[in-house]
């Protein structure tokens, strides 16, 4: 029983070690609200930095995951898991990020953000791991499940672009931008 209590309280110790308000008002907050306030403070401190701070990003990711572990049924848990997956991808830990996207899909299947998780999972497979065949299947699954999602058209384009090398894509986009009647020409005509 003591070991179980320690395991359940460990995430709170992590939140407490992250700094924040130690006033009596903060102590009166429910644990999940105190954790949310501390997470917000950590996010704000990271957004103030112009340089990528790997250690602090890892700490924030770990706090997101601790929140999900401590409050899995809380309405903010899926968002915290989404943020953890995104930060993990930013850290270059692509396999871990995909595992987190899979967990979001499995644990919170009915939420609207789960639709986007399918897209981000496929994107991570393609761009993080470079597994184009697997990514194509993941994008196709996403499009089949959610054809009206905001990212469905993007996923279809990404599938189309997989057949080209980077050099071919650059050449294709350069040709497209150089064609008369495009936005660039309209803007240039307005300057004359």
C-alpha atoms as a PDB file:
ATOM      1  CA  UNK A   1       0.000   0.000   0.000  1.00  0.00           C
ATOM      2  CA  UNK A   2       2.831   2.404   0.875  1.00  0.00           C
ATOM      3  CA  UNK A   3       4.571   1.695  -2.438  1.00  0.00           C
ATOM      4  CA  UNK A   4       1.363   2.363  -4.349  1.00  0.00           C
ATOM      5  CA  UNK A   5       0.831   5.665  -2.547  1.00  0.00           C
ATOM      6  CA  UNK A   6       4.385   6.682  -3.395  1.00  0.00           C
ATOM      7  CA  UNK A   7       3.845   5.890  -7.092  1.00  0.00           C
ATOM      8  CA  UNK A   8       0.652   7.927  -7.169  1.00  0.00           C
ATOM      9  CA  UNK A   9       2.279  10.893  -5.430  1.00  0.00           C
ATOM     10  CA  UNK A  10       5.506  10.863  -7.482  1.00  0.00           C
ATOM     11  CA  UNK A  11       4.079  13.043 -10.301  1.00  0.00           C
ATOM     12  CA  UNK A  12       3.093  15.681  -7.758  1.00  0.00           C
ATOM     13  CA  UNK A  13       6.657  15.777  -6.495  1.00  0.00           C
ATOM     14  CA  UNK A  14       7.747  16.400 -10.083  1.00  0.00           C
ATOM     15  CA  UNK A  15       5.300  19.291 -10.376  1.00  0.00           C
ATOM     16  CA  UNK A  16       6.476  20.733  -7.069  1.00  0.00           C
ATOM     17  CA  UNK A  17      10.105  20.564  -8.160  1.00  0.00           C
ATOM     18  CA  UNK A  18       9.324  22.662 -11.224  1.00  0.00           C
ATOM     19  CA  UNK A  19       8.953  25.814  -9.160  1.00  0.00           C
ATOM     20  CA  UNK A  20       5.983  28.099  -9.096  1.00  0.00           C
ATOM     21  CA  UNK A  21       3.794  29.802  -6.541  1.00  0.00           C
ATOM     22  CA  UNK A  22       4.231  28.443  -3.031  1.00  0.00           C
ATOM     23  CA  UNK A  23       1.692  30.764  -1.430  1.00  0.00           C
ATOM     24  CA  UNK A  24      -1.219  29.537   0.663  1.00  0.00           C
ATOM     25  CA  UNK A  25      -3.583  30.286  -2.244  1.00  0.00           C
ATOM     26  CA  UNK A  26      -1.658  27.909  -4.504  1.00  0.00           C
ATOM     27  CA  UNK A  27      -1.674  25.240  -1.810  1.00  0.00           C
ATOM     28  CA  UNK A  28      -5.464  25.513  -1.718  1.00  0.00           C
ATOM     29  CA  UNK A  29      -5.776  24.698  -5.429  1.00  0.00           C
ATOM     30  CA  UNK A  30      -6.786  21.193  -6.474  1.00  0.00           C
ATOM     31  CA  UNK A  31      -3.705  19.233  -7.603  1.00  0.00           C
ATOM     32  CA  UNK A  32      -4.649  19.261 -11.291  1.00  0.00           C
ATOM     33  CA  UNK A  33      -5.127  23.058 -11.319  1.00  0.00           C
ATOM     34  CA  UNK A  34      -1.837  23.592  -9.538  1.00  0.00           C
ATOM     35  CA  UNK A  35      -0.176  21.322 -12.105  1.00  0.00           C
ATOM     36  CA  UNK A  36      -1.795  23.226 -14.984  1.00  0.00           C
ATOM     37  CA  UNK A  37      -0.526  26.521 -13.563  1.00  0.00           C
ATOM     38  CA  UNK A  38       2.994  25.129 -13.250  1.00  0.00           C
ATOM     39  CA  UNK A  39       2.874  23.732 -16.787  1.00  0.00           C
ATOM     40  CA  UNK A  40       1.726  27.101 -18.102  1.00  0.00           C
ATOM     41  CA  UNK A  41       4.627  28.790 -16.315  1.00  0.00           C
ATOM     42  CA  UNK A  42       7.075  26.303 -17.848  1.00  0.00           C
ATOM     43  CA  UNK A  43       5.580  26.839 -21.319  1.00  0.00           C
ATOM     44  CA  UNK A  44       5.805  30.603 -20.906  1.00  0.00           C
ATOM     45  CA  UNK A  45       9.436  30.435 -19.812  1.00  0.00           C
ATOM     46  CA  UNK A  46      10.281  28.300 -22.861  1.00  0.00           C
ATOM     47  CA  UNK A  47       8.456  30.600 -25.264  1.00  0.00           C
ATOM     48  CA  UNK A  48      10.571  33.511 -24.011  1.00  0.00           C
ATOM     49  CA  UNK A  49      13.726  31.788 -25.256  1.00  0.00           C
ATOM     50  CA  UNK A  50      14.958  32.316 -28.803  1.00  0.00           C
ATOM     51  CA  UNK A  51      17.291  29.304 -28.577  1.00  0.00           C
ATOM     52  CA  UNK A  52      16.119  25.696 -28.423  1.00  0.00           C
ATOM     53  CA  UNK A  53      16.773  24.468 -24.879  1.00  0.00           C
ATOM     54  CA  UNK A  54      16.750  20.683 -25.166  1.00  0.00           C
ATOM     55  CA  UNK A  55      16.927  20.055 -21.418  1.00  0.00           C
ATOM     56  CA  UNK A  56      13.983  22.317 -20.654  1.00  0.00           C
ATOM     57  CA  UNK A  57      11.925  20.879 -23.529  1.00  0.00           C
ATOM     58  CA  UNK A  58      12.569  17.383 -22.136  1.00  0.00           C
ATOM     59  CA  UNK A  59      11.517  18.534 -18.666  1.00  0.00           C
ATOM     60  CA  UNK A  60       8.319  20.036 -20.034  1.00  0.00           C
ATOM     61  CA  UNK A  61       7.565  16.882 -22.021  1.00  0.00           C
ATOM     62  CA  UNK A  62       8.076  14.806 -18.882  1.00  0.00           C
ATOM     63  CA  UNK A  63       5.721  17.070 -16.925  1.00  0.00           C
ATOM     64  CA  UNK A  64       3.061  16.691 -19.633  1.00  0.00           C
ATOM     65  CA  UNK A  65       3.393  12.913 -19.334  1.00  0.00           C
ATOM     66  CA  UNK A  66       3.280  13.054 -15.529  1.00  0.00           C
ATOM     67  CA  UNK A  67       0.050  15.038 -15.787  1.00  0.00           C
ATOM     68  CA  UNK A  68      -1.491  12.408 -18.086  1.00  0.00           C
ATOM     69  CA  UNK A  69      -0.401   9.666 -15.702  1.00  0.00           C
ATOM     70  CA  UNK A  70      -1.729  11.476 -12.644  1.00  0.00           C
ATOM     71  CA  UNK A  71      -5.001  12.675 -14.211  1.00  0.00           C
ATOM     72  CA  UNK A  72      -5.825  10.341 -17.145  1.00  0.00           C
ATOM     73  CA  UNK A  73      -9.545  11.134 -17.025  1.00  0.00           C
ATOM     74  CA  UNK A  74      -9.113  14.897 -16.760  1.00  0.00           C
ATOM     75  CA  UNK A  75     -10.370  16.846 -19.768  1.00  0.00           C
ATOM     76  CA  UNK A  76      -6.866  18.294 -20.284  1.00  0.00           C
ATOM     77  CA  UNK A  77      -5.112  14.905 -20.378  1.00  0.00           C
ATOM     78  CA  UNK A  78      -5.495  14.415 -24.161  1.00  0.00           C
ATOM     79  CA  UNK A  79      -4.097  17.899 -24.819  1.00  0.00           C
ATOM     80  CA  UNK A  80      -1.159  17.214 -22.508  1.00  0.00           C
ATOM     81  CA  UNK A  81      -0.479  13.947 -24.330  1.00  0.00           C
ATOM     82  CA  UNK A  82      -0.685  15.762 -27.687  1.00  0.00           C
ATOM     83  CA  UNK A  83       1.816  18.340 -26.478  1.00  0.00           C
ATOM     84  CA  UNK A  84       4.107  15.598 -25.159  1.00  0.00           C
ATOM     85  CA  UNK A  85       4.028  13.818 -28.527  1.00  0.00           C
ATOM     86  CA  UNK A  86       4.762  17.039 -30.379  1.00  0.00           C
ATOM     87  CA  UNK A  87       7.661  17.980 -28.077  1.00  0.00           C
ATOM     88  CA  UNK A  88       9.051  14.454 -28.344  1.00  0.00           C
ATOM     89  CA  UNK A  89       9.116  14.773 -32.123  1.00  0.00           C
ATOM     90  CA  UNK A  90      10.841  18.154 -31.746  1.00  0.00           C
ATOM     91  CA  UNK A  91      13.491  16.396 -29.662  1.00  0.00           C
ATOM     92  CA  UNK A  92      14.134  13.954 -32.514  1.00  0.00           C
ATOM     93  CA  UNK A  93      12.756  10.994 -30.553  1.00  0.00           C
ATOM     94  CA  UNK A  94      10.527   9.909 -33.409  1.00  0.00           C
ATOM     95  CA  UNK A  95       9.717   6.358 -32.299  1.00  0.00           C
ATOM     96  CA  UNK A  96       8.644   7.676 -28.878  1.00  0.00           C
ATOM     97  CA  UNK A  97       6.559  10.393 -30.527  1.00  0.00           C
ATOM     98  CA  UNK A  98       4.767   7.832 -32.694  1.00  0.00           C
ATOM     99  CA  UNK A  99       4.084   5.727 -29.600  1.00  0.00           C
ATOM    100  CA  UNK A 100       2.514   8.779 -27.958  1.00  0.00           C
ATOM    101  CA  UNK A 101       0.375   9.540 -31.023  1.00  0.00           C
ATOM    102  CA  UNK A 102      -0.746   5.884 -30.959  1.00  0.00           C
ATOM    103  CA  UNK A 103      -1.597   6.214 -27.272  1.00  0.00           C
ATOM    104  CA  UNK A 104      -3.653   9.342 -27.918  1.00  0.00           C
ATOM    105  CA  UNK A 105      -5.550   7.510 -30.672  1.00  0.00           C
ATOM    106  CA  UNK A 106      -6.137   4.464 -28.451  1.00  0.00           C
ATOM    107  CA  UNK A 107      -6.913   6.172 -25.141  1.00  0.00           C
ATOM    108  CA  UNK A 108      -9.039   9.055 -26.461  1.00  0.00           C
ATOM    109  CA  UNK A 109     -10.621   7.735 -29.692  1.00  0.00           C
ATOM    110  CA  UNK A 110     -13.715   9.945 -29.731  1.00  0.00           C
ATOM    111  CA  UNK A 111     -12.104  13.341 -29.282  1.00  0.00           C
ATOM    112  CA  UNK A 112     -11.802  15.676 -32.276  1.00  0.00           C
ATOM    113  CA  UNK A 113      -8.048  16.074 -31.645  1.00  0.00           C
ATOM    114  CA  UNK A 114      -7.643  12.344 -32.217  1.00  0.00           C
ATOM    115  CA  UNK A 115      -8.315  12.900 -35.916  1.00  0.00           C
ATOM    116  CA  UNK A 116      -5.292  15.176 -36.114  1.00  0.00           C
ATOM    117  CA  UNK A 117      -3.230  12.604 -34.198  1.00  0.00           C
ATOM    118  CA  UNK A 118      -3.575  10.211 -37.155  1.00  0.00           C
ATOM    119  CA  UNK A 119      -2.144  12.896 -39.441  1.00  0.00           C
ATOM    120  CA  UNK A 120       0.719  13.843 -37.103  1.00  0.00           C
ATOM    121  CA  UNK A 121       1.565  10.180 -36.614  1.00  0.00           C
ATOM    122  CA  UNK A 122       1.870   9.686 -40.387  1.00  0.00           C
ATOM    123  CA  UNK A 123       3.874  12.909 -40.708  1.00  0.00           C
ATOM    124  CA  UNK A 124       6.285  11.715 -37.996  1.00  0.00           C
ATOM    125  CA  UNK A 125       6.713   8.360 -39.752  1.00  0.00           C
ATOM    126  CA  UNK A 126       7.506  10.104 -43.028  1.00  0.00           C
ATOM    127  CA  UNK A 127       9.651  13.012 -41.888  1.00  0.00           C
ATOM    128  CA  UNK A 128      11.100  11.713 -38.651  1.00  0.00           C
ATOM    129  CA  UNK A 129      11.815   8.127 -39.609  1.00  0.00           C
ATOM    130  CA  UNK A 130      11.896   8.441 -43.405  1.00  0.00           C
ATOM    131  CA  UNK A 131       9.666   5.392 -43.877  1.00  0.00           C
ATOM    132  CA  UNK A 132       7.751   6.532 -46.928  1.00  0.00           C
ATOM    133  CA  UNK A 133       5.893   3.260 -47.533  1.00  0.00           C
ATOM    134  CA  UNK A 134       4.647   3.064 -43.958  1.00  0.00           C
ATOM    135  CA  UNK A 135       3.834   6.790 -43.987  1.00  0.00           C
ATOM    136  CA  UNK A 136       1.811   6.411 -47.191  1.00  0.00           C
ATOM    137  CA  UNK A 137      -0.303   3.716 -45.539  1.00  0.00           C
ATOM    138  CA  UNK A 138      -0.753   5.876 -42.431  1.00  0.00           C
ATOM    139  CA  UNK A 139      -1.801   8.902 -44.521  1.00  0.00           C
ATOM    140  CA  UNK A 140      -4.247   6.714 -46.488  1.00  0.00           C
ATOM    141  CA  UNK A 141      -5.747   5.386 -43.250  1.00  0.00           C
ATOM    142  CA  UNK A 142      -6.153   8.965 -42.008  1.00  0.00           C
ATOM    143  CA  UNK A 143      -7.834  10.120 -45.238  1.00  0.00           C
ATOM    144  CA  UNK A 144     -10.143   7.087 -45.284  1.00  0.00           C
ATOM    145  CA  UNK A 145     -11.233   7.654 -41.671  1.00  0.00           C
ATOM    146  CA  UNK A 146     -11.462  11.456 -41.789  1.00  0.00           C
ATOM    147  CA  UNK A 147     -11.889  12.695 -45.381  1.00  0.00           C
ATOM    148  CA  UNK A 148     -13.288  16.039 -44.188  1.00  0.00           C
ATOM    149  CA  UNK A 149     -10.493  16.758 -41.691  1.00  0.00           C
ATOM    150  CA  UNK A 150      -8.580  20.016 -42.127  1.00  0.00           C
ATOM    151  CA  UNK A 151      -5.403  18.038 -42.943  1.00  0.00           C
ATOM    152  CA  UNK A 152      -6.933  15.532 -45.406  1.00  0.00           C
ATOM    153  CA  UNK A 153      -5.955  17.552 -48.490  1.00  0.00           C
ATOM    154  CA  UNK A 154      -2.456  18.050 -47.103  1.00  0.00           C
ATOM    155  CA  UNK A 155      -2.124  14.304 -46.527  1.00  0.00           C
ATOM    156  CA  UNK A 156      -3.205  13.603 -50.112  1.00  0.00           C
ATOM    157  CA  UNK A 157      -0.599  16.075 -51.413  1.00  0.00           C
ATOM    158  CA  UNK A 158       2.101  14.532 -49.231  1.00  0.00           C
ATOM    159  CA  UNK A 159       1.276  11.094 -50.658  1.00  0.00           C
ATOM    160  CA  UNK A 160       1.538  12.557 -54.166  1.00  0.00           C
ATOM    161  CA  UNK A 161       4.898  14.196 -53.396  1.00  0.00           C
ATOM    162  CA  UNK A 162       6.401  10.964 -52.056  1.00  0.00           C
ATOM    163  CA  UNK A 163       7.061   9.788 -55.602  1.00  0.00           C
ATOM    164  CA  UNK A 164       9.522  12.632 -56.175  1.00  0.00           C
ATOM    165  CA  UNK A 165      13.047  13.227 -54.925  1.00  0.00           C
ATOM    166  CA  UNK A 166      13.778  16.452 -53.063  1.00  0.00           C
ATOM    167  CA  UNK A 167      15.515  17.825 -56.152  1.00  0.00           C
ATOM    168  CA  UNK A 168      12.501  17.005 -58.343  1.00  0.00           C
ATOM    169  CA  UNK A 169      10.164  18.710 -55.874  1.00  0.00           C
ATOM    170  CA  UNK A 170      12.304  21.861 -55.804  1.00  0.00           C
ATOM    171  CA  UNK A 171      12.391  21.967 -59.598  1.00  0.00           C
ATOM    172  CA  UNK A 172       8.637  21.375 -59.792  1.00  0.00           C
ATOM    173  CA  UNK A 173       7.872  24.192 -57.330  1.00  0.00           C
ATOM    174  CA  UNK A 174      10.290  26.568 -59.028  1.00  0.00           C
ATOM    175  CA  UNK A 175       8.587  25.933 -62.383  1.00  0.00           C
ATOM    176  CA  UNK A 176       5.175  26.393 -60.809  1.00  0.00           C
ATOM    177  CA  UNK A 177       6.206  29.711 -59.240  1.00  0.00           C
ATOM    178  CA  UNK A 178       7.673  30.930 -62.526  1.00  0.00           C
ATOM    179  CA  UNK A 179       4.475  30.322 -64.528  1.00  0.00           C
ATOM    180  CA  UNK A 180       2.618  33.444 -65.704  1.00  0.00           C
ATOM    181  CA  UNK A 181      -0.703  34.190 -64.063  1.00  0.00           C
ATOM    182  CA  UNK A 182       0.389  32.978 -60.654  1.00  0.00           C
ATOM    183  CA  UNK A 183       0.120  35.101 -57.516  1.00  0.00           C
ATOM    184  CA  UNK A 184       3.747  36.207 -57.806  1.00  0.00           C
ATOM    185  CA  UNK A 185       3.103  37.708 -61.264  1.00  0.00           C
ATOM    186  CA  UNK A 186      -0.090  39.394 -60.103  1.00  0.00           C
ATOM    187  CA  UNK A 187       1.788  41.028 -57.257  1.00  0.00           C
ATOM    188  CA  UNK A 188       4.579  42.095 -59.595  1.00  0.00           C
ATOM    189  CA  UNK A 189       2.047  43.571 -62.058  1.00  0.00           C
ATOM    190  CA  UNK A 190       0.555  45.643 -59.249  1.00  0.00           C
ATOM    191  CA  UNK A 191       3.967  47.228 -58.567  1.00  0.00           C
ATOM    192  CA  UNK A 192       4.400  48.572 -62.106  1.00  0.00           C
END
